[in-house]
Amino acid sequence: MTEVIRADALPDPLRDELLAAVTAATGLPASLVAARRLAGGASMETWSVDLRVGDAVEALVLRRDMGANMSAYALDRPTEFALLQAACAAGVRAPRPRYLSPAGAARRWFLMERLPGESVGRKVVRAPELAAAREVLARQLGEALAVIHRVPVAQGLPAIPGPTEGRSPAEEALHQVRAVLATLGLRNPVWSYALRWLGQRVPAWDGALVLVHGDYRIGNLLVDRDGLAGVLDWEFAHLGDRHEDLAWVTVRDWRFEQDARVVGGVGSLDDYLDGYASAGGLPVDRDAFVWWDLIGNLRWALMCHAQADRHLRGADRSVELLSLGRKAAEMEWELIDRIDAIEKGGR
């Protein structure tokens, strides 16, 4: 669902700043043809924008900072822009970044090419016109993730976070969970139990640091009738363990009630991992995979509370943000149920 906005309804300061930046980058006069504010987007303000640059019209998407960050660990827009440049150069299927806001902008933004496809999760997992895409999508997701994990990290990447020296990526994830809990000032017996349980079972790590997308899931992927069209929303990218990315798409909330299809509500785990291996992905440790799946549920529960907190403290007033807070209970149930099954000898 989109809200159509007249071209002259784009906020004047933003419109003027945007056109000036594009003109400076290209040396050509730029004018606004059309704009519409896109629904959703809990971490970024997002617009579909058509610009006339010289004699050509460019179909673009604007990603702009909101009043408060979704996470202290998120990249800023210039870093995300540079990372997208590097990812596209390495063959990752992602929108090409085009224009970056000036350094003095009050809220940083960038423009990227607009790719065709659907990104709304509930539509991706249910729309009849995407039925054929769903049959191949899990394997394509595995293949695309292998390409991301092969992006060279020693050169060409901007400075992005990684685990603190002396910590494995899993230990870093536990540290970040504890830090978020301290910031929110919340106490919850399920979180405490899950954190202790996970802390006692930190998976072995083979030392391989890869580019981790950090939010690789249905809802951040463009899907058309042929399957995967592009990987979006790179603000949580970092250096880490490949199992973190691999497991995130299997967190139950990203299945959009299509629980029989473990991978994002669209396909099977076997197809997904087969695709990853076929495209050159490193071997997958199933115990590490399960651990990252479980901590994924815990992290998403905390993020839901953090989103609601943005509304409650007045940083970003939004009923959508407020409504996310209630979803934490779903992840709490999933954690209890999954850990209980593991303790009884299952997965």
C-alpha atoms as a PDB file:
ATOM      1  CA  MET A   1       0.000   0.000   0.000  1.00  0.00           C
ATOM      2  CA  THR A   2       1.313   3.462  -0.892  1.00  0.00           C
ATOM      3  CA  GLU A   3       0.126   6.942  -0.153  1.00  0.00           C
ATOM      4  CA  VAL A   4       0.231   9.070  -3.290  1.00  0.00           C
ATOM      5  CA  ILE A   5       1.798  12.497  -2.728  1.00  0.00           C
ATOM      6  CA  ARG A   6       1.721  15.384  -5.208  1.00  0.00           C
ATOM      7  CA  ALA A   7       5.171  16.367  -6.401  1.00  0.00           C
ATOM      8  CA  ASP A   8       4.840  19.729  -4.676  1.00  0.00           C
ATOM      9  CA  ALA A   9       3.923  18.002  -1.385  1.00  0.00           C
ATOM     10  CA  LEU A  10       7.475  16.711  -0.919  1.00  0.00           C
ATOM     11  CA  PRO A  11       8.727  18.915   1.934  1.00  0.00           C
ATOM     12  CA  ASP A  12      10.240  22.034   0.388  1.00  0.00           C
ATOM     13  CA  PRO A  13      13.575  21.924   2.224  1.00  0.00           C
ATOM     14  CA  LEU A  14      14.031  18.262   1.285  1.00  0.00           C
ATOM     15  CA  ARG A  15      12.996  18.832  -2.329  1.00  0.00           C
ATOM     16  CA  ASP A  16      15.359  21.762  -2.746  1.00  0.00           C
ATOM     17  CA  GLU A  17      18.216  19.921  -1.048  1.00  0.00           C
ATOM     18  CA  LEU A  18      17.647  16.836  -3.181  1.00  0.00           C
ATOM     19  CA  LEU A  19      17.524  18.712  -6.495  1.00  0.00           C
ATOM     20  CA  ALA A  20      20.606  20.751  -5.618  1.00  0.00           C
ATOM     21  CA  ALA A  21      22.564  17.611  -4.737  1.00  0.00           C
ATOM     22  CA  VAL A  22      21.598  15.821  -7.975  1.00  0.00           C
ATOM     23  CA  THR A  23      22.417  18.882 -10.056  1.00  0.00           C
ATOM     24  CA  ALA A  24      25.810  19.189  -8.356  1.00  0.00           C
ATOM     25  CA  ALA A  25      26.560  15.486  -8.915  1.00  0.00           C
ATOM     26  CA  THR A  26      25.582  15.412 -12.583  1.00  0.00           C
ATOM     27  CA  GLY A  27      26.109  18.959 -13.799  1.00  0.00           C
ATOM     28  CA  LEU A  28      22.602  18.753 -15.286  1.00  0.00           C
ATOM     29  CA  PRO A  29      19.425  20.569 -14.236  1.00  0.00           C
ATOM     30  CA  ALA A  30      17.194  18.388 -12.058  1.00  0.00           C
ATOM     31  CA  SER A  31      13.467  18.731 -11.414  1.00  0.00           C
ATOM     32  CA  LEU A  32      10.895  16.712  -9.522  1.00  0.00           C
ATOM     33  CA  VAL A  33       8.376  14.852 -11.681  1.00  0.00           C
ATOM     34  CA  ALA A  34       6.529  12.832  -9.025  1.00  0.00           C
ATOM     35  CA  ALA A  35       6.885  11.554  -5.493  1.00  0.00           C
ATOM     36  CA  ARG A  36       4.951   9.277  -3.207  1.00  0.00           C
ATOM     37  CA  ARG A  37       5.588   8.367   0.402  1.00  0.00           C
ATOM     38  CA  LEU A  38       5.876   4.613   0.807  1.00  0.00           C
ATOM     39  CA  ALA A  39       4.011   2.921   3.628  1.00  0.00           C
ATOM     40  CA  GLY A  40       5.911   0.945   6.239  1.00  0.00           C
ATOM     41  CA  GLY A  41       9.567   1.491   6.912  1.00  0.00           C
ATOM     42  CA  ALA A  42      10.086   1.416  10.661  1.00  0.00           C
ATOM     43  CA  SER A  43      13.717   2.494  10.430  1.00  0.00           C
ATOM     44  CA  MET A  44      13.753   4.903   7.477  1.00  0.00           C
ATOM     45  CA  GLU A  45      11.524   7.449   5.801  1.00  0.00           C
ATOM     46  CA  THR A  46      11.090   6.086   2.280  1.00  0.00           C
ATOM     47  CA  TRP A  47       9.823   7.766  -0.886  1.00  0.00           C
ATOM     48  CA  SER A  48       9.402   6.701  -4.478  1.00  0.00           C
ATOM     49  CA  VAL A  49      10.759   9.602  -6.509  1.00  0.00           C
ATOM     50  CA  ASP A  50      10.835  10.334 -10.250  1.00  0.00           C
ATOM     51  CA  LEU A  51      13.376  12.975 -11.249  1.00  0.00           C
ATOM     52  CA  ARG A  52      14.063  14.609 -14.565  1.00  0.00           C
ATOM     53  CA  VAL A  53      17.836  14.921 -14.864  1.00  0.00           C
ATOM     54  CA  GLY A  54      18.716  16.752 -18.051  1.00  0.00           C
ATOM     55  CA  ASP A  55      16.561  15.084 -20.704  1.00  0.00           C
ATOM     56  CA  ALA A  56      16.105  11.747 -18.905  1.00  0.00           C
ATOM     57  CA  VAL A  57      13.678  10.695 -16.180  1.00  0.00           C
ATOM     58  CA  GLU A  58      15.161   8.533 -13.420  1.00  0.00           C
ATOM     59  CA  ALA A  59      13.023   6.179 -11.297  1.00  0.00           C
ATOM     60  CA  LEU A  60      14.501   6.288  -7.787  1.00  0.00           C
ATOM     61  CA  VAL A  61      13.872   5.477  -4.143  1.00  0.00           C
ATOM     62  CA  LEU A  62      14.805   7.898  -1.361  1.00  0.00           C
ATOM     63  CA  ARG A  63      15.952   6.540   2.021  1.00  0.00           C
ATOM     64  CA  ARG A  64      16.075   9.218   4.700  1.00  0.00           C
ATOM     65  CA  ASP A  65      16.868   9.217   8.410  1.00  0.00           C
ATOM     66  CA  MET A  66      13.959   9.475  10.796  1.00  0.00           C
ATOM     67  CA  GLY A  67      14.046  11.366  14.072  1.00  0.00           C
ATOM     68  CA  ALA A  68      15.697   8.521  15.998  1.00  0.00           C
ATOM     69  CA  ASN A  69      17.728   5.468  15.066  1.00  0.00           C
ATOM     70  CA  MET A  70      16.155   2.039  15.267  1.00  0.00           C
ATOM     71  CA  SER A  71      19.391   0.721  16.758  1.00  0.00           C
ATOM     72  CA  ALA A  72      22.660   2.111  18.052  1.00  0.00           C
ATOM     73  CA  TYR A  73      24.376  -0.452  15.818  1.00  0.00           C
ATOM     74  CA  ALA A  74      22.829   0.775  12.546  1.00  0.00           C
ATOM     75  CA  LEU A  75      24.958   2.313   9.796  1.00  0.00           C
ATOM     76  CA  ASP A  76      24.574   5.953   8.856  1.00  0.00           C
ATOM     77  CA  ARG A  77      23.413   6.822   5.347  1.00  0.00           C
ATOM     78  CA  PRO A  78      26.839   7.698   3.849  1.00  0.00           C
ATOM     79  CA  THR A  79      28.219   4.341   5.038  1.00  0.00           C
ATOM     80  CA  GLU A  80      25.197   2.435   3.753  1.00  0.00           C
ATOM     81  CA  PHE A  81      25.563   4.248   0.406  1.00  0.00           C
ATOM     82  CA  ALA A  82      29.238   3.270   0.131  1.00  0.00           C
ATOM     83  CA  LEU A  83      28.468  -0.300   1.157  1.00  0.00           C
ATOM     84  CA  LEU A  84      25.803  -0.594  -1.544  1.00  0.00           C
ATOM     85  CA  GLN A  85      28.347   0.619  -4.082  1.00  0.00           C
ATOM     86  CA  ALA A  86      30.783  -2.100  -3.012  1.00  0.00           C
ATOM     87  CA  ALA A  87      28.092  -4.801  -2.918  1.00  0.00           C
ATOM     88  CA  CYS A  88      26.827  -3.972  -6.400  1.00  0.00           C
ATOM     89  CA  ALA A  89      30.377  -3.945  -7.738  1.00  0.00           C
ATOM     90  CA  ALA A  90      30.847  -7.455  -6.298  1.00  0.00           C
ATOM     91  CA  GLY A  91      27.771  -8.779  -8.122  1.00  0.00           C
ATOM     92  CA  VAL A  92      25.206  -8.622  -5.320  1.00  0.00           C
ATOM     93  CA  ARG A  93      21.640  -8.257  -6.592  1.00  0.00           C
ATOM     94  CA  ALA A  94      20.808  -4.905  -4.993  1.00  0.00           C
ATOM     95  CA  PRO A  95      19.618  -1.464  -6.100  1.00  0.00           C
ATOM     96  CA  ARG A  96      22.428   0.713  -7.408  1.00  0.00           C
ATOM     97  CA  PRO A  97      23.029   3.801  -5.236  1.00  0.00           C
ATOM     98  CA  ARG A  98      22.843   7.029  -7.219  1.00  0.00           C
ATOM     99  CA  TYR A  99      22.976  10.225  -5.177  1.00  0.00           C
ATOM    100  CA  LEU A 100      24.008  11.077  -1.620  1.00  0.00           C
ATOM    101  CA  SER A 101      22.853  13.984   0.520  1.00  0.00           C
ATOM    102  CA  PRO A 102      25.311  16.796   1.301  1.00  0.00           C
ATOM    103  CA  ALA A 103      27.310  16.458   4.496  1.00  0.00           C
ATOM    104  CA  GLY A 104      25.452  19.351   6.104  1.00  0.00           C
ATOM    105  CA  ALA A 105      21.972  17.850   5.702  1.00  0.00           C
ATOM    106  CA  ALA A 106      20.034  17.772   8.980  1.00  0.00           C
ATOM    107  CA  ARG A 107      18.704  14.294   8.175  1.00  0.00           C
ATOM    108  CA  ARG A 108      20.955  12.318   5.854  1.00  0.00           C
ATOM    109  CA  TRP A 109      19.517  10.535   2.821  1.00  0.00           C
ATOM    110  CA  PHE A 110      20.460   8.851  -0.397  1.00  0.00           C
ATOM    111  CA  LEU A 111      18.744   8.001  -3.657  1.00  0.00           C
ATOM    112  CA  MET A 112      19.029   4.568  -5.270  1.00  0.00           C
ATOM    113  CA  GLU A 113      17.588   3.060  -8.412  1.00  0.00           C
ATOM    114  CA  ARG A 114      14.036   1.760  -8.149  1.00  0.00           C
ATOM    115  CA  LEU A 115      13.763  -1.932  -8.979  1.00  0.00           C
ATOM    116  CA  PRO A 116      10.507  -3.692  -9.896  1.00  0.00           C
ATOM    117  CA  GLY A 117       8.952  -6.149  -7.475  1.00  0.00           C
ATOM    118  CA  GLU A 118       7.005  -6.571  -4.259  1.00  0.00           C
ATOM    119  CA  SER A 119       8.562  -6.215  -0.809  1.00  0.00           C
ATOM    120  CA  VAL A 120       5.529  -6.305   1.506  1.00  0.00           C
ATOM    121  CA  GLY A 121       5.935  -9.592   3.366  1.00  0.00           C
ATOM    122  CA  ARG A 122       2.294 -10.606   3.565  1.00  0.00           C
ATOM    123  CA  LYS A 123       1.920 -10.126  -0.179  1.00  0.00           C
ATOM    124  CA  VAL A 124       5.110 -12.014  -0.984  1.00  0.00           C
ATOM    125  CA  VAL A 125       3.943 -15.104   0.921  1.00  0.00           C
ATOM    126  CA  ARG A 126       0.314 -15.044  -0.297  1.00  0.00           C
ATOM    127  CA  ALA A 127      -0.189 -13.185  -3.580  1.00  0.00           C
ATOM    128  CA  PRO A 128      -1.455 -15.581  -6.303  1.00  0.00           C
ATOM    129  CA  GLU A 129       0.612 -13.820  -8.965  1.00  0.00           C
ATOM    130  CA  LEU A 130       3.796 -14.698  -7.013  1.00  0.00           C
ATOM    131  CA  ALA A 131       2.987 -18.407  -6.627  1.00  0.00           C
ATOM    132  CA  ALA A 132       5.559 -19.468  -9.228  1.00  0.00           C
ATOM    133  CA  ALA A 133       8.171 -17.208  -7.620  1.00  0.00           C
ATOM    134  CA  ARG A 134       7.643 -18.859  -4.230  1.00  0.00           C
ATOM    135  CA  GLU A 135       8.501 -22.247  -5.709  1.00  0.00           C
ATOM    136  CA  VAL A 136      12.049 -21.099  -6.505  1.00  0.00           C
ATOM    137  CA  LEU A 137      12.521 -18.309  -3.982  1.00  0.00           C
ATOM    138  CA  ALA A 138      14.042 -20.268  -1.082  1.00  0.00           C
ATOM    139  CA  ARG A 139      16.821 -21.606  -3.304  1.00  0.00           C
ATOM    140  CA  GLN A 140      17.392 -18.147  -4.801  1.00  0.00           C
ATOM    141  CA  LEU A 141      17.663 -16.654  -1.322  1.00  0.00           C
ATOM    142  CA  GLY A 142      20.398 -19.133  -0.477  1.00  0.00           C
ATOM    143  CA  GLU A 143      22.247 -18.411  -3.712  1.00  0.00           C
ATOM    144  CA  ALA A 144      22.043 -14.636  -3.227  1.00  0.00           C
ATOM    145  CA  LEU A 145      23.257 -14.869   0.363  1.00  0.00           C
ATOM    146  CA  ALA A 146      26.302 -16.866  -0.744  1.00  0.00           C
ATOM    147  CA  VAL A 147      27.182 -14.003  -3.121  1.00  0.00           C
ATOM    148  CA  ILE A 148      26.892 -11.483  -0.260  1.00  0.00           C
ATOM    149  CA  HIS A 149      29.135 -13.616   1.933  1.00  0.00           C
ATOM    150  CA  ARG A 150      31.777 -13.746  -0.824  1.00  0.00           C
ATOM    151  CA  VAL A 151      32.117  -9.951  -1.046  1.00  0.00           C
ATOM    152  CA  PRO A 152      35.793  -9.243  -0.208  1.00  0.00           C
ATOM    153  CA  VAL A 153      36.014  -7.773   3.285  1.00  0.00           C
ATOM    154  CA  ALA A 154      39.715  -6.912   3.225  1.00  0.00           C
ATOM    155  CA  GLN A 155      39.370  -4.205   0.584  1.00  0.00           C
ATOM    156  CA  GLY A 156      36.722  -2.040  -1.012  1.00  0.00           C
ATOM    157  CA  LEU A 157      34.315  -1.971   1.937  1.00  0.00           C
ATOM    158  CA  PRO A 158      33.653   1.138   4.019  1.00  0.00           C
ATOM    159  CA  ALA A 159      34.337   0.931   7.746  1.00  0.00           C
ATOM    160  CA  ILE A 160      31.519  -1.190   9.165  1.00  0.00           C
ATOM    161  CA  PRO A 161      31.198  -2.755  12.624  1.00  0.00           C
ATOM    162  CA  GLY A 162      32.540  -6.164  13.544  1.00  0.00           C
ATOM    163  CA  PRO A 163      32.996  -8.146  16.733  1.00  0.00           C
ATOM    164  CA  THR A 164      35.090  -6.557  19.462  1.00  0.00           C
ATOM    165  CA  GLU A 165      38.600  -7.995  19.578  1.00  0.00           C
ATOM    166  CA  GLY A 166      38.616 -11.080  21.767  1.00  0.00           C
ATOM    167  CA  ARG A 167      34.937 -11.880  21.156  1.00  0.00           C
ATOM    168  CA  SER A 168      33.409 -14.235  18.642  1.00  0.00           C
ATOM    169  CA  PRO A 169      30.409 -12.933  16.650  1.00  0.00           C
ATOM    170  CA  ALA A 170      28.100 -14.949  18.928  1.00  0.00           C
ATOM    171  CA  GLU A 171      29.675 -13.448  22.040  1.00  0.00           C
ATOM    172  CA  GLU A 172      29.323 -10.001  20.456  1.00  0.00           C
ATOM    173  CA  ALA A 173      25.633 -10.671  19.799  1.00  0.00           C
ATOM    174  CA  LEU A 174      25.101 -11.614  23.455  1.00  0.00           C
ATOM    175  CA  HIS A 175      26.932  -8.470  24.543  1.00  0.00           C
ATOM    176  CA  GLN A 176      24.698  -6.326  22.330  1.00  0.00           C
ATOM    177  CA  VAL A 177      21.536  -7.973  23.683  1.00  0.00           C
ATOM    178  CA  ARG A 178      22.641  -7.176  27.235  1.00  0.00           C
ATOM    179  CA  ALA A 179      23.427  -3.593  26.229  1.00  0.00           C
ATOM    180  CA  VAL A 180      19.989  -3.091  24.664  1.00  0.00           C
ATOM    181  CA  LEU A 181      18.325  -4.552  27.766  1.00  0.00           C
ATOM    182  CA  ALA A 182      20.258  -2.109  29.939  1.00  0.00           C
ATOM    183  CA  THR A 183      19.288   0.823  27.717  1.00  0.00           C
ATOM    184  CA  LEU A 184      15.599  -0.081  27.708  1.00  0.00           C
ATOM    185  CA  GLY A 185      15.620  -0.634  31.444  1.00  0.00           C
ATOM    186  CA  LEU A 186      13.192  -3.550  31.133  1.00  0.00           C
ATOM    187  CA  ARG A 187      13.089  -6.829  33.023  1.00  0.00           C
ATOM    188  CA  ASN A 188      11.483  -9.936  31.604  1.00  0.00           C
ATOM    189  CA  PRO A 189      11.833 -13.517  32.918  1.00  0.00           C
ATOM    190  CA  VAL A 190      11.699 -15.055  29.426  1.00  0.00           C
ATOM    191  CA  TRP A 191      14.475 -12.814  28.163  1.00  0.00           C
ATOM    192  CA  SER A 192      16.591 -13.516  31.244  1.00  0.00           C
ATOM    193  CA  TYR A 193      16.104 -17.267  30.894  1.00  0.00           C
ATOM    194  CA  ALA A 194      16.797 -17.281  27.149  1.00  0.00           C
ATOM    195  CA  LEU A 195      19.876 -15.098  27.555  1.00  0.00           C
ATOM    196  CA  ARG A 196      21.297 -17.392  30.241  1.00  0.00           C
ATOM    197  CA  TRP A 197      20.475 -20.515  28.178  1.00  0.00           C
ATOM    198  CA  LEU A 198      22.107 -19.091  25.048  1.00  0.00           C
ATOM    199  CA  GLY A 199      25.101 -17.865  27.024  1.00  0.00           C
ATOM    200  CA  GLN A 200      25.764 -21.408  28.211  1.00  0.00           C
ATOM    201  CA  ARG A 201      25.686 -22.776  24.648  1.00  0.00           C
ATOM    202  CA  VAL A 202      27.704 -20.299  22.589  1.00  0.00           C
ATOM    203  CA  PRO A 203      28.502 -22.083  19.310  1.00  0.00           C
ATOM    204  CA  ALA A 204      32.006 -22.774  18.104  1.00  0.00           C
ATOM    205  CA  TRP A 205      33.227 -20.339  15.460  1.00  0.00           C
ATOM    206  CA  ASP A 206      35.621 -21.190  12.645  1.00  0.00           C
ATOM    207  CA  GLY A 207      37.070 -17.660  12.553  1.00  0.00           C
ATOM    208  CA  ALA A 208      35.606 -16.740   9.160  1.00  0.00           C
ATOM    209  CA  LEU A 209      34.358 -13.143   9.090  1.00  0.00           C
ATOM    210  CA  VAL A 210      32.037 -12.331   6.196  1.00  0.00           C
ATOM    211  CA  LEU A 211      29.908  -9.387   5.146  1.00  0.00           C
ATOM    212  CA  VAL A 212      26.654  -9.962   7.001  1.00  0.00           C
ATOM    213  CA  HIS A 213      23.596  -8.168   5.611  1.00  0.00           C
ATOM    214  CA  GLY A 214      22.144  -8.103   9.113  1.00  0.00           C
ATOM    215  CA  ASP A 215      18.433  -8.045   8.198  1.00  0.00           C
ATOM    216  CA  TYR A 216      18.133 -10.636   5.433  1.00  0.00           C
ATOM    217  CA  ARG A 217      14.469 -11.586   5.495  1.00  0.00           C
ATOM    218  CA  ILE A 218      11.159 -11.408   3.691  1.00  0.00           C
ATOM    219  CA  GLY A 219      10.145  -7.756   3.845  1.00  0.00           C
ATOM    220  CA  ASN A 220      13.642  -6.564   2.904  1.00  0.00           C
ATOM    221  CA  LEU A 221      13.694  -8.456  -0.383  1.00  0.00           C
ATOM    222  CA  LEU A 222      12.100  -7.458  -3.673  1.00  0.00           C
ATOM    223  CA  VAL A 223      10.246 -10.312  -5.350  1.00  0.00           C
ATOM    224  CA  ASP A 224       8.778 -10.394  -8.842  1.00  0.00           C
ATOM    225  CA  ARG A 225       7.168 -13.184 -10.871  1.00  0.00           C
ATOM    226  CA  ASP A 226      10.568 -14.775 -11.504  1.00  0.00           C
ATOM    227  CA  GLY A 227      11.643 -14.723  -7.850  1.00  0.00           C
ATOM    228  CA  LEU A 228      14.250 -12.576  -6.134  1.00  0.00           C
ATOM    229  CA  ALA A 229      14.685  -9.174  -7.793  1.00  0.00           C
ATOM    230  CA  GLY A 230      16.841  -7.376  -5.231  1.00  0.00           C
ATOM    231  CA  VAL A 231      18.164  -7.205  -1.665  1.00  0.00           C
ATOM    232  CA  LEU A 232      17.192  -4.032   0.202  1.00  0.00           C
ATOM    233  CA  ASP A 233      17.847  -2.235   3.502  1.00  0.00           C
ATOM    234  CA  TRP A 234      21.511  -2.611   4.363  1.00  0.00           C
ATOM    235  CA  GLU A 235      21.645  -0.392   7.457  1.00  0.00           C
ATOM    236  CA  PHE A 236      22.396  -3.316   9.790  1.00  0.00           C
ATOM    237  CA  ALA A 237      25.284  -4.720   7.740  1.00  0.00           C
ATOM    238  CA  HIS A 238      28.443  -5.682   9.622  1.00  0.00           C
ATOM    239  CA  LEU A 239      31.255  -8.217   9.684  1.00  0.00           C
ATOM    240  CA  GLY A 240      30.276 -11.431  11.406  1.00  0.00           C
ATOM    241  CA  ASP A 241      29.384 -15.109  11.253  1.00  0.00           C
ATOM    242  CA  ARG A 242      27.570 -16.343   8.155  1.00  0.00           C
ATOM    243  CA  HIS A 243      25.158 -18.351  10.337  1.00  0.00           C
ATOM    244  CA  GLU A 244      23.657 -15.103  11.643  1.00  0.00           C
ATOM    245  CA  ASP A 245      22.440 -14.145   8.159  1.00  0.00           C
ATOM    246  CA  LEU A 246      21.463 -17.700   7.279  1.00  0.00           C
ATOM    247  CA  ALA A 247      19.238 -18.124  10.322  1.00  0.00           C
ATOM    248  CA  TRP A 248      17.557 -14.697  10.423  1.00  0.00           C
ATOM    249  CA  VAL A 249      15.118 -15.438   7.584  1.00  0.00           C
ATOM    250  CA  THR A 250      13.867 -18.508   9.471  1.00  0.00           C
ATOM    251  CA  VAL A 251      12.755 -16.523  12.553  1.00  0.00           C
ATOM    252  CA  ARG A 252       9.036 -17.303  12.815  1.00  0.00           C
ATOM    253  CA  ASP A 253       7.803 -13.731  12.560  1.00  0.00           C
ATOM    254  CA  TRP A 254       9.235 -13.442   9.024  1.00  0.00           C
ATOM    255  CA  ARG A 255       7.017 -16.304   7.825  1.00  0.00           C
ATOM    256  CA  PHE A 256       3.910 -14.132   8.026  1.00  0.00           C
ATOM    257  CA  GLU A 257       1.795 -16.999   9.380  1.00  0.00           C
ATOM    258  CA  GLN A 258       2.939 -19.441   6.671  1.00  0.00           C
ATOM    259  CA  ASP A 259       4.688 -21.604   9.260  1.00  0.00           C
ATOM    260  CA  ALA A 260       4.918 -24.749   7.115  1.00  0.00           C
ATOM    261  CA  ARG A 261       7.411 -22.896   4.897  1.00  0.00           C
ATOM    262  CA  VAL A 262      10.268 -22.403   7.333  1.00  0.00           C
ATOM    263  CA  VAL A 263      12.276 -20.035   5.139  1.00  0.00           C
ATOM    264  CA  GLY A 264      10.393 -16.766   5.258  1.00  0.00           C
ATOM    265  CA  GLY A 265       7.032 -18.360   4.614  1.00  0.00           C
ATOM    266  CA  VAL A 266       8.071 -19.174   1.037  1.00  0.00           C
ATOM    267  CA  GLY A 267      10.094 -22.406   1.011  1.00  0.00           C
ATOM    268  CA  SER A 268      11.964 -25.229   2.662  1.00  0.00           C
ATOM    269  CA  LEU A 269      15.195 -25.172   4.615  1.00  0.00           C
ATOM    270  CA  ASP A 270      16.676 -27.870   2.371  1.00  0.00           C
ATOM    271  CA  ASP A 271      16.122 -25.785  -0.780  1.00  0.00           C
ATOM    272  CA  TYR A 272      17.549 -22.708   0.931  1.00  0.00           C
ATOM    273  CA  LEU A 273      20.724 -24.398   2.157  1.00  0.00           C
ATOM    274  CA  ASP A 274      21.155 -26.278  -1.120  1.00  0.00           C
ATOM    275  CA  GLY A 275      21.052 -22.947  -2.934  1.00  0.00           C
ATOM    276  CA  TYR A 276      23.623 -21.499  -0.541  1.00  0.00           C
ATOM    277  CA  ALA A 277      25.992 -24.434  -1.065  1.00  0.00           C
ATOM    278  CA  SER A 278      25.527 -24.473  -4.851  1.00  0.00           C
ATOM    279  CA  ALA A 279      26.583 -20.814  -5.081  1.00  0.00           C
ATOM    280  CA  GLY A 280      29.782 -21.381  -3.110  1.00  0.00           C
ATOM    281  CA  GLY A 281      28.590 -20.806   0.449  1.00  0.00           C
ATOM    282  CA  LEU A 282      30.808 -22.259   3.173  1.00  0.00           C
ATOM    283  CA  PRO A 283      29.567 -25.360   5.057  1.00  0.00           C
ATOM    284  CA  VAL A 284      26.739 -24.798   7.522  1.00  0.00           C
ATOM    285  CA  ASP A 285      26.983 -25.946  11.141  1.00  0.00           C
ATOM    286  CA  ARG A 286      23.423 -26.940  12.074  1.00  0.00           C
ATOM    287  CA  ASP A 287      23.973 -26.373  15.812  1.00  0.00           C
ATOM    288  CA  ALA A 288      25.258 -22.858  15.142  1.00  0.00           C
ATOM    289  CA  PHE A 289      22.333 -22.293  12.796  1.00  0.00           C
ATOM    290  CA  VAL A 290      19.813 -23.199  15.523  1.00  0.00           C
ATOM    291  CA  TRP A 291      21.600 -20.977  18.071  1.00  0.00           C
ATOM    292  CA  TRP A 292      21.445 -17.968  15.743  1.00  0.00           C
ATOM    293  CA  ASP A 293      17.792 -18.682  14.986  1.00  0.00           C
ATOM    294  CA  LEU A 294      16.980 -18.604  18.709  1.00  0.00           C
ATOM    295  CA  ILE A 295      18.918 -15.456  19.465  1.00  0.00           C
ATOM    296  CA  GLY A 296      17.247 -13.949  16.420  1.00  0.00           C
ATOM    297  CA  ASN A 297      13.885 -14.327  18.153  1.00  0.00           C
ATOM    298  CA  LEU A 298      15.292 -12.702  21.290  1.00  0.00           C
ATOM    299  CA  ARG A 299      16.833  -9.816  19.370  1.00  0.00           C
ATOM    300  CA  TRP A 300      13.628  -9.165  17.455  1.00  0.00           C
ATOM    301  CA  ALA A 301      11.630  -9.136  20.695  1.00  0.00           C
ATOM    302  CA  LEU A 302      13.956  -6.439  22.054  1.00  0.00           C
ATOM    303  CA  MET A 303      13.836  -4.489  18.805  1.00  0.00           C
ATOM    304  CA  CYS A 304      10.035  -4.481  18.951  1.00  0.00           C
ATOM    305  CA  HIS A 305      10.167  -2.946  22.409  1.00  0.00           C
ATOM    306  CA  ALA A 306      12.795  -0.461  21.229  1.00  0.00           C
ATOM    307  CA  GLN A 307      10.543   0.577  18.347  1.00  0.00           C
ATOM    308  CA  ALA A 308       7.608   1.162  20.684  1.00  0.00           C
ATOM    309  CA  ASP A 309       9.935   3.147  22.948  1.00  0.00           C
ATOM    310  CA  ARG A 310      10.686   5.565  20.096  1.00  0.00           C
ATOM    311  CA  HIS A 311       6.992   6.469  20.043  1.00  0.00           C
ATOM    312  CA  LEU A 312       6.535   6.539  23.803  1.00  0.00           C
ATOM    313  CA  ARG A 313       9.408   8.973  24.384  1.00  0.00           C
ATOM    314  CA  GLY A 314       8.294  11.174  21.487  1.00  0.00           C
ATOM    315  CA  ALA A 315      11.282  10.663  19.178  1.00  0.00           C
ATOM    316  CA  ASP A 316       9.143   9.312  16.308  1.00  0.00           C
ATOM    317  CA  ARG A 317       5.390   9.445  16.846  1.00  0.00           C
ATOM    318  CA  SER A 318       3.907   6.449  15.021  1.00  0.00           C
ATOM    319  CA  VAL A 319       1.096   4.018  15.740  1.00  0.00           C
ATOM    320  CA  GLU A 320       3.016   1.481  13.655  1.00  0.00           C
ATOM    321  CA  LEU A 321       6.032   1.734  15.950  1.00  0.00           C
ATOM    322  CA  LEU A 322       3.816   1.503  19.015  1.00  0.00           C
ATOM    323  CA  SER A 323       2.042  -1.598  17.697  1.00  0.00           C
ATOM    324  CA  LEU A 324       5.353  -3.426  17.263  1.00  0.00           C
ATOM    325  CA  GLY A 325       5.797  -3.534  21.033  1.00  0.00           C
ATOM    326  CA  ARG A 326       2.999  -6.096  21.431  1.00  0.00           C
ATOM    327  CA  LYS A 327       4.727  -8.532  19.043  1.00  0.00           C
ATOM    328  CA  ALA A 328       7.467  -9.252  21.572  1.00  0.00           C
ATOM    329  CA  ALA A 329       5.151 -11.742  23.290  1.00  0.00           C
ATOM    330  CA  GLU A 330       5.083 -13.860  20.122  1.00  0.00           C
ATOM    331  CA  MET A 331       8.861 -14.208  20.115  1.00  0.00           C
ATOM    332  CA  GLU A 332       8.828 -14.979  23.844  1.00  0.00           C
ATOM    333  CA  TRP A 333       6.469 -17.872  23.222  1.00  0.00           C
ATOM    334  CA  GLU A 334       8.627 -19.105  20.359  1.00  0.00           C
ATOM    335  CA  LEU A 335      11.739 -19.022  22.565  1.00  0.00           C
ATOM    336  CA  ILE A 336      10.074 -21.004  25.370  1.00  0.00           C
ATOM    337  CA  ASP A 337       8.630 -23.535  22.940  1.00  0.00           C
ATOM    338  CA  ARG A 338      11.855 -24.033  20.977  1.00  0.00           C
ATOM    339  CA  ILE A 339      14.127 -24.284  24.002  1.00  0.00           C
ATOM    340  CA  ASP A 340      11.742 -26.749  25.628  1.00  0.00           C
ATOM    341  CA  ALA A 341      11.815 -28.909  22.492  1.00  0.00           C
ATOM    342  CA  ILE A 342      15.634 -28.849  22.408  1.00  0.00           C
ATOM    343  CA  GLU A 343      15.841 -29.790  26.063  1.00  0.00           C
ATOM    344  CA  LYS A 344      13.604 -32.778  25.283  1.00  0.00           C
ATOM    345  CA  GLY A 345      15.887 -33.911  22.492  1.00  0.00           C
ATOM    346  CA  GLY A 346      14.405 -32.182  19.455  1.00  0.00           C
ATOM    347  CA  ARG A 347      15.170 -29.013  17.521  1.00  0.00           C
END
